[in-house]
N, C-alpha and C. Protein backbone atom coordinates (compact mmCIF):
# COMPACT_ATOMS: atom_id res chain seq x y z
N UNK A 1 -32.83 8.77 -16.50
CA UNK A 1 -32.21 10.04 -16.25
C UNK A 1 -31.30 9.92 -15.03
N UNK A 2 -30.12 10.47 -15.11
CA UNK A 2 -29.16 10.42 -14.02
C UNK A 2 -29.28 11.67 -13.17
N UNK A 3 -29.35 11.48 -11.90
CA UNK A 3 -29.39 12.61 -10.98
C UNK A 3 -28.00 12.77 -10.37
N UNK A 4 -27.60 13.95 -10.15
CA UNK A 4 -26.30 14.26 -9.56
C UNK A 4 -26.52 14.89 -8.19
N UNK A 5 -25.71 14.49 -7.25
CA UNK A 5 -25.74 15.06 -5.92
C UNK A 5 -24.32 15.50 -5.59
N UNK A 6 -24.19 16.67 -5.07
CA UNK A 6 -22.87 17.18 -4.70
C UNK A 6 -22.75 17.18 -3.19
N UNK A 7 -21.70 16.53 -2.72
CA UNK A 7 -21.41 16.53 -1.28
C UNK A 7 -19.94 16.86 -1.11
N UNK A 8 -19.57 17.32 0.07
CA UNK A 8 -18.15 17.61 0.30
C UNK A 8 -17.31 16.33 0.19
N UNK A 9 -16.08 16.47 -0.27
CA UNK A 9 -15.16 15.34 -0.43
C UNK A 9 -14.99 14.56 0.87
N UNK A 10 -14.91 15.28 1.99
CA UNK A 10 -14.74 14.61 3.29
C UNK A 10 -15.91 13.69 3.60
N UNK A 11 -17.13 14.14 3.27
CA UNK A 11 -18.31 13.32 3.50
C UNK A 11 -18.31 12.10 2.59
N UNK A 12 -17.94 12.30 1.31
CA UNK A 12 -17.84 11.19 0.37
C UNK A 12 -16.83 10.16 0.87
N UNK A 13 -15.66 10.62 1.31
CA UNK A 13 -14.62 9.71 1.81
C UNK A 13 -15.11 8.94 3.03
N UNK A 14 -15.81 9.64 3.93
CA UNK A 14 -16.33 8.99 5.13
C UNK A 14 -17.36 7.92 4.77
N UNK A 15 -18.26 8.24 3.84
CA UNK A 15 -19.28 7.27 3.42
C UNK A 15 -18.65 6.07 2.72
N UNK A 16 -17.67 6.31 1.90
CA UNK A 16 -17.00 5.21 1.19
C UNK A 16 -16.27 4.29 2.18
N UNK A 17 -15.58 4.89 3.15
CA UNK A 17 -14.88 4.08 4.15
C UNK A 17 -15.87 3.27 4.99
N UNK A 18 -17.00 3.89 5.34
CA UNK A 18 -18.03 3.18 6.11
C UNK A 18 -18.59 2.00 5.31
N UNK A 19 -18.80 2.19 4.01
CA UNK A 19 -19.31 1.10 3.17
C UNK A 19 -18.30 -0.04 3.08
N UNK A 20 -17.01 0.29 2.96
CA UNK A 20 -15.97 -0.74 2.91
C UNK A 20 -15.89 -1.48 4.24
N UNK A 21 -15.99 -0.75 5.34
CA UNK A 21 -15.96 -1.39 6.66
C UNK A 21 -17.14 -2.35 6.82
N UNK A 22 -18.32 -1.92 6.37
CA UNK A 22 -19.51 -2.78 6.46
C UNK A 22 -19.33 -4.05 5.63
N UNK A 23 -18.79 -3.91 4.43
CA UNK A 23 -18.54 -5.08 3.58
C UNK A 23 -17.55 -6.02 4.25
N UNK A 24 -16.50 -5.47 4.85
CA UNK A 24 -15.52 -6.30 5.54
C UNK A 24 -16.14 -7.02 6.74
N UNK A 25 -16.99 -6.32 7.48
CA UNK A 25 -17.64 -6.94 8.64
C UNK A 25 -18.56 -8.08 8.21
N UNK A 26 -19.30 -7.88 7.12
CA UNK A 26 -20.18 -8.94 6.62
C UNK A 26 -19.37 -10.16 6.17
N UNK A 27 -18.26 -9.89 5.49
CA UNK A 27 -17.41 -10.99 5.04
C UNK A 27 -16.80 -11.72 6.23
N UNK A 28 -16.37 -10.97 7.23
CA UNK A 28 -15.79 -11.58 8.43
C UNK A 28 -16.84 -12.45 9.14
N UNK A 29 -18.07 -11.94 9.23
CA UNK A 29 -19.14 -12.74 9.84
C UNK A 29 -19.36 -14.03 9.06
N UNK A 30 -19.26 -13.95 7.73
CA UNK A 30 -19.40 -15.15 6.91
C UNK A 30 -18.28 -16.14 7.17
N UNK A 31 -17.06 -15.63 7.33
CA UNK A 31 -15.92 -16.50 7.61
C UNK A 31 -16.08 -17.15 8.99
N UNK A 32 -16.57 -16.39 9.96
CA UNK A 32 -16.80 -16.96 11.30
C UNK A 32 -17.86 -18.05 11.24
N UNK A 33 -18.89 -17.83 10.44
CA UNK A 33 -19.93 -18.85 10.30
C UNK A 33 -19.37 -20.11 9.66
N UNK A 34 -18.49 -19.94 8.67
CA UNK A 34 -17.86 -21.10 8.03
C UNK A 34 -16.99 -21.85 9.03
N UNK A 35 -16.27 -21.11 9.87
CA UNK A 35 -15.44 -21.74 10.89
C UNK A 35 -16.30 -22.51 11.89
N UNK A 36 -17.42 -21.93 12.28
CA UNK A 36 -18.33 -22.61 13.21
C UNK A 36 -18.88 -23.88 12.58
N UNK A 37 -19.19 -23.83 11.30
CA UNK A 37 -19.70 -25.02 10.61
C UNK A 37 -18.64 -26.12 10.58
N UNK A 38 -17.39 -25.72 10.32
CA UNK A 38 -16.31 -26.71 10.32
C UNK A 38 -16.11 -27.31 11.71
N UNK A 39 -16.19 -26.46 12.72
CA UNK A 39 -16.02 -26.94 14.10
C UNK A 39 -17.13 -27.91 14.47
N UNK A 40 -18.31 -27.72 13.88
CA UNK A 40 -19.44 -28.61 14.15
C UNK A 40 -19.37 -29.88 13.31
N UNK A 41 -18.32 -30.03 12.53
CA UNK A 41 -18.14 -31.23 11.74
C UNK A 41 -18.75 -31.18 10.36
N UNK A 42 -19.27 -30.02 9.97
CA UNK A 42 -19.85 -29.88 8.63
C UNK A 42 -18.74 -29.59 7.63
N UNK A 43 -18.83 -30.18 6.47
CA UNK A 43 -17.83 -29.97 5.43
C UNK A 43 -18.25 -28.79 4.56
N UNK A 44 -17.30 -27.90 4.29
CA UNK A 44 -17.59 -26.74 3.45
C UNK A 44 -17.46 -27.12 1.98
N UNK A 45 -18.41 -26.69 1.18
CA UNK A 45 -18.34 -26.90 -0.26
C UNK A 45 -17.74 -25.65 -0.89
N UNK A 46 -16.75 -25.83 -1.75
CA UNK A 46 -16.08 -24.72 -2.41
C UNK A 46 -16.65 -24.61 -3.82
N UNK A 47 -17.12 -23.41 -4.21
CA UNK A 47 -17.65 -23.24 -5.57
C UNK A 47 -16.61 -23.64 -6.62
N UNK A 48 -17.07 -24.16 -7.73
CA UNK A 48 -16.19 -24.70 -8.77
C UNK A 48 -15.17 -23.68 -9.27
N UNK A 49 -15.59 -22.43 -9.47
CA UNK A 49 -14.64 -21.45 -10.00
C UNK A 49 -13.49 -21.20 -9.05
N UNK A 50 -13.74 -21.25 -7.74
CA UNK A 50 -12.67 -21.09 -6.76
C UNK A 50 -11.79 -22.34 -6.71
N UNK A 51 -12.42 -23.51 -6.78
CA UNK A 51 -11.65 -24.75 -6.79
C UNK A 51 -10.73 -24.81 -8.00
N UNK A 52 -11.21 -24.38 -9.16
CA UNK A 52 -10.37 -24.36 -10.36
C UNK A 52 -9.18 -23.44 -10.19
N UNK A 53 -9.39 -22.31 -9.54
CA UNK A 53 -8.28 -21.38 -9.31
C UNK A 53 -7.23 -22.01 -8.40
N UNK A 54 -7.67 -22.74 -7.39
CA UNK A 54 -6.72 -23.42 -6.50
C UNK A 54 -5.95 -24.49 -7.27
N UNK A 55 -6.66 -25.27 -8.07
CA UNK A 55 -6.03 -26.34 -8.85
C UNK A 55 -5.03 -25.77 -9.85
N UNK A 56 -5.35 -24.60 -10.40
CA UNK A 56 -4.47 -23.95 -11.38
C UNK A 56 -3.21 -23.37 -10.74
N UNK A 57 -3.14 -23.38 -9.41
CA UNK A 57 -1.94 -22.91 -8.73
C UNK A 57 -1.97 -21.47 -8.27
N UNK A 58 -3.14 -20.83 -8.34
CA UNK A 58 -3.24 -19.47 -7.83
C UNK A 58 -3.01 -19.46 -6.33
N UNK A 59 -2.58 -18.34 -5.80
CA UNK A 59 -2.31 -18.21 -4.37
C UNK A 59 -3.53 -18.65 -3.56
N UNK A 60 -3.36 -19.69 -2.72
CA UNK A 60 -4.49 -20.13 -1.90
C UNK A 60 -5.00 -19.03 -0.98
N UNK A 61 -4.08 -18.20 -0.49
CA UNK A 61 -4.50 -17.11 0.40
C UNK A 61 -5.43 -16.15 -0.35
N UNK A 62 -5.09 -15.79 -1.56
CA UNK A 62 -5.92 -14.89 -2.35
C UNK A 62 -7.29 -15.53 -2.65
N UNK A 63 -7.26 -16.79 -3.04
CA UNK A 63 -8.52 -17.47 -3.39
C UNK A 63 -9.44 -17.54 -2.18
N UNK A 64 -8.94 -17.97 -1.04
CA UNK A 64 -9.78 -18.07 0.16
C UNK A 64 -10.23 -16.69 0.63
N UNK A 65 -9.34 -15.70 0.54
CA UNK A 65 -9.71 -14.34 0.95
C UNK A 65 -10.85 -13.83 0.08
N UNK A 66 -10.74 -14.01 -1.22
CA UNK A 66 -11.78 -13.54 -2.12
C UNK A 66 -13.07 -14.35 -1.96
N UNK A 67 -12.94 -15.65 -1.69
CA UNK A 67 -14.13 -16.47 -1.44
C UNK A 67 -14.89 -15.96 -0.22
N UNK A 68 -14.15 -15.51 0.77
CA UNK A 68 -14.77 -14.97 1.99
C UNK A 68 -15.24 -13.52 1.81
N UNK A 69 -14.91 -12.93 0.66
CA UNK A 69 -15.35 -11.56 0.40
C UNK A 69 -14.57 -10.51 1.14
N UNK A 70 -13.34 -10.84 1.54
CA UNK A 70 -12.52 -9.89 2.29
C UNK A 70 -11.51 -9.19 1.39
N UNK A 71 -11.27 -7.93 1.66
CA UNK A 71 -10.16 -7.23 1.03
C UNK A 71 -8.90 -7.57 1.82
N UNK A 72 -7.75 -7.19 1.30
CA UNK A 72 -6.51 -7.41 2.05
C UNK A 72 -6.56 -6.63 3.37
N UNK A 73 -7.11 -5.44 3.33
CA UNK A 73 -7.23 -4.63 4.55
C UNK A 73 -8.16 -5.33 5.55
N UNK A 74 -9.29 -5.84 5.05
CA UNK A 74 -10.23 -6.53 5.93
C UNK A 74 -9.63 -7.78 6.56
N UNK A 75 -8.88 -8.55 5.75
CA UNK A 75 -8.23 -9.73 6.30
C UNK A 75 -7.17 -9.33 7.31
N UNK A 76 -6.47 -8.24 7.03
CA UNK A 76 -5.47 -7.74 7.97
C UNK A 76 -6.09 -7.39 9.31
N UNK A 77 -7.23 -6.72 9.27
CA UNK A 77 -7.93 -6.37 10.52
C UNK A 77 -8.41 -7.61 11.26
N UNK A 78 -8.94 -8.57 10.51
CA UNK A 78 -9.48 -9.79 11.12
C UNK A 78 -8.39 -10.68 11.70
N UNK A 79 -7.21 -10.67 11.08
CA UNK A 79 -6.16 -11.60 11.48
C UNK A 79 -5.06 -10.96 12.32
N UNK A 80 -4.94 -9.64 12.25
CA UNK A 80 -3.84 -8.97 12.94
C UNK A 80 -2.54 -9.02 12.14
N UNK A 81 -2.62 -9.40 10.87
CA UNK A 81 -1.45 -9.48 10.00
C UNK A 81 -1.44 -8.23 9.11
N UNK A 82 -0.27 -7.65 8.93
CA UNK A 82 -0.12 -6.44 8.12
C UNK A 82 -0.55 -6.68 6.68
N UNK A 83 -1.29 -5.72 6.09
CA UNK A 83 -1.78 -5.84 4.73
C UNK A 83 -0.65 -6.04 3.72
N UNK A 84 0.48 -5.39 3.94
CA UNK A 84 1.61 -5.54 3.02
C UNK A 84 2.13 -6.97 3.05
N UNK A 85 2.16 -7.57 4.23
CA UNK A 85 2.61 -8.96 4.33
C UNK A 85 1.62 -9.89 3.62
N UNK A 86 0.34 -9.61 3.73
CA UNK A 86 -0.67 -10.39 3.02
C UNK A 86 -0.44 -10.28 1.52
N UNK A 87 -0.22 -9.06 1.04
CA UNK A 87 0.03 -8.84 -0.39
C UNK A 87 1.28 -9.58 -0.84
N UNK A 88 2.34 -9.58 -0.02
CA UNK A 88 3.58 -10.28 -0.37
C UNK A 88 3.35 -11.78 -0.46
N UNK A 89 2.59 -12.34 0.47
CA UNK A 89 2.32 -13.78 0.45
C UNK A 89 1.49 -14.13 -0.79
N UNK A 90 0.48 -13.32 -1.08
CA UNK A 90 -0.36 -13.59 -2.25
C UNK A 90 0.42 -13.50 -3.55
N UNK A 91 1.40 -12.59 -3.61
CA UNK A 91 2.19 -12.40 -4.83
C UNK A 91 3.36 -13.37 -4.93
N UNK A 92 3.57 -14.17 -3.89
CA UNK A 92 4.67 -15.13 -3.90
C UNK A 92 6.00 -14.52 -3.53
N UNK A 93 6.00 -13.30 -3.00
CA UNK A 93 7.25 -12.65 -2.58
C UNK A 93 7.67 -13.06 -1.19
N UNK A 94 6.82 -13.77 -0.48
CA UNK A 94 7.12 -14.24 0.86
C UNK A 94 6.17 -15.36 1.22
N UNK A 95 6.51 -16.08 2.28
CA UNK A 95 5.67 -17.21 2.69
C UNK A 95 4.98 -16.94 4.02
N UNK A 96 5.55 -16.11 4.86
CA UNK A 96 4.99 -15.87 6.17
C UNK A 96 5.41 -16.95 7.15
N UNK A 97 5.54 -16.55 8.38
CA UNK A 97 5.91 -17.51 9.43
C UNK A 97 4.74 -18.45 9.70
N UNK A 98 5.01 -19.50 10.43
CA UNK A 98 3.95 -20.45 10.81
C UNK A 98 2.88 -19.71 11.59
N UNK A 99 3.28 -18.82 12.47
CA UNK A 99 2.33 -18.05 13.28
C UNK A 99 1.46 -17.15 12.39
N UNK A 100 2.07 -16.51 11.42
CA UNK A 100 1.33 -15.64 10.50
C UNK A 100 0.31 -16.44 9.71
N UNK A 101 0.72 -17.56 9.17
CA UNK A 101 -0.19 -18.40 8.38
C UNK A 101 -1.32 -18.92 9.26
N UNK A 102 -1.02 -19.24 10.50
CA UNK A 102 -2.06 -19.70 11.43
C UNK A 102 -3.08 -18.60 11.68
N UNK A 103 -2.61 -17.37 11.88
CA UNK A 103 -3.54 -16.24 12.09
C UNK A 103 -4.43 -16.04 10.88
N UNK A 104 -3.83 -16.12 9.70
CA UNK A 104 -4.61 -15.95 8.47
C UNK A 104 -5.63 -17.07 8.30
N UNK A 105 -5.21 -18.30 8.56
CA UNK A 105 -6.12 -19.44 8.45
C UNK A 105 -7.28 -19.31 9.43
N UNK A 106 -6.98 -18.91 10.66
CA UNK A 106 -8.04 -18.73 11.66
C UNK A 106 -9.04 -17.67 11.22
N UNK A 107 -8.53 -16.56 10.69
CA UNK A 107 -9.41 -15.47 10.27
C UNK A 107 -10.28 -15.89 9.08
N UNK A 108 -9.75 -16.76 8.22
CA UNK A 108 -10.49 -17.22 7.04
C UNK A 108 -11.37 -18.43 7.33
N UNK A 109 -11.17 -19.04 8.47
CA UNK A 109 -11.96 -20.23 8.80
C UNK A 109 -11.55 -21.46 8.03
N UNK A 110 -10.23 -21.57 7.75
CA UNK A 110 -9.71 -22.72 7.02
C UNK A 110 -8.56 -23.32 7.82
N UNK A 111 -8.14 -24.51 7.42
CA UNK A 111 -6.98 -25.15 8.03
C UNK A 111 -5.70 -24.53 7.48
N UNK A 112 -4.65 -24.55 8.26
CA UNK A 112 -3.36 -24.04 7.80
C UNK A 112 -2.95 -24.73 6.51
N UNK A 113 -3.21 -26.03 6.41
CA UNK A 113 -2.86 -26.79 5.21
C UNK A 113 -3.54 -26.23 3.96
N UNK A 114 -4.68 -25.58 4.11
CA UNK A 114 -5.37 -25.01 2.95
C UNK A 114 -4.63 -23.80 2.37
N UNK A 115 -3.73 -23.21 3.14
CA UNK A 115 -3.03 -22.02 2.71
C UNK A 115 -1.61 -22.27 2.24
N UNK A 116 -1.11 -23.48 2.46
CA UNK A 116 0.28 -23.78 2.06
C UNK A 116 0.32 -24.82 0.94
């Protein structure tokens, strides 16, 4: 049986935004942990489905972002790069400056070479 609860739209919007922020924070913490592991000399294993997407030529930025569980907004917050610029890079409409790609790589815990 399904139960229905009615709450004001403002409360629903606030709860949804809080849930998205929590998901982004958890993903960011995961990316930081991956970066720490790489800094410690540990090699990261990439799941096969993500590796296949990279081999097939999908946007490396999108693949790594999704592997880390980040939305474009979350990656933008973590890296300081505008979400629209992230979307343009993922869609192939732009490449981003060296500085932009470095910020994105740092936020994802990968090498710049992994994104180009």
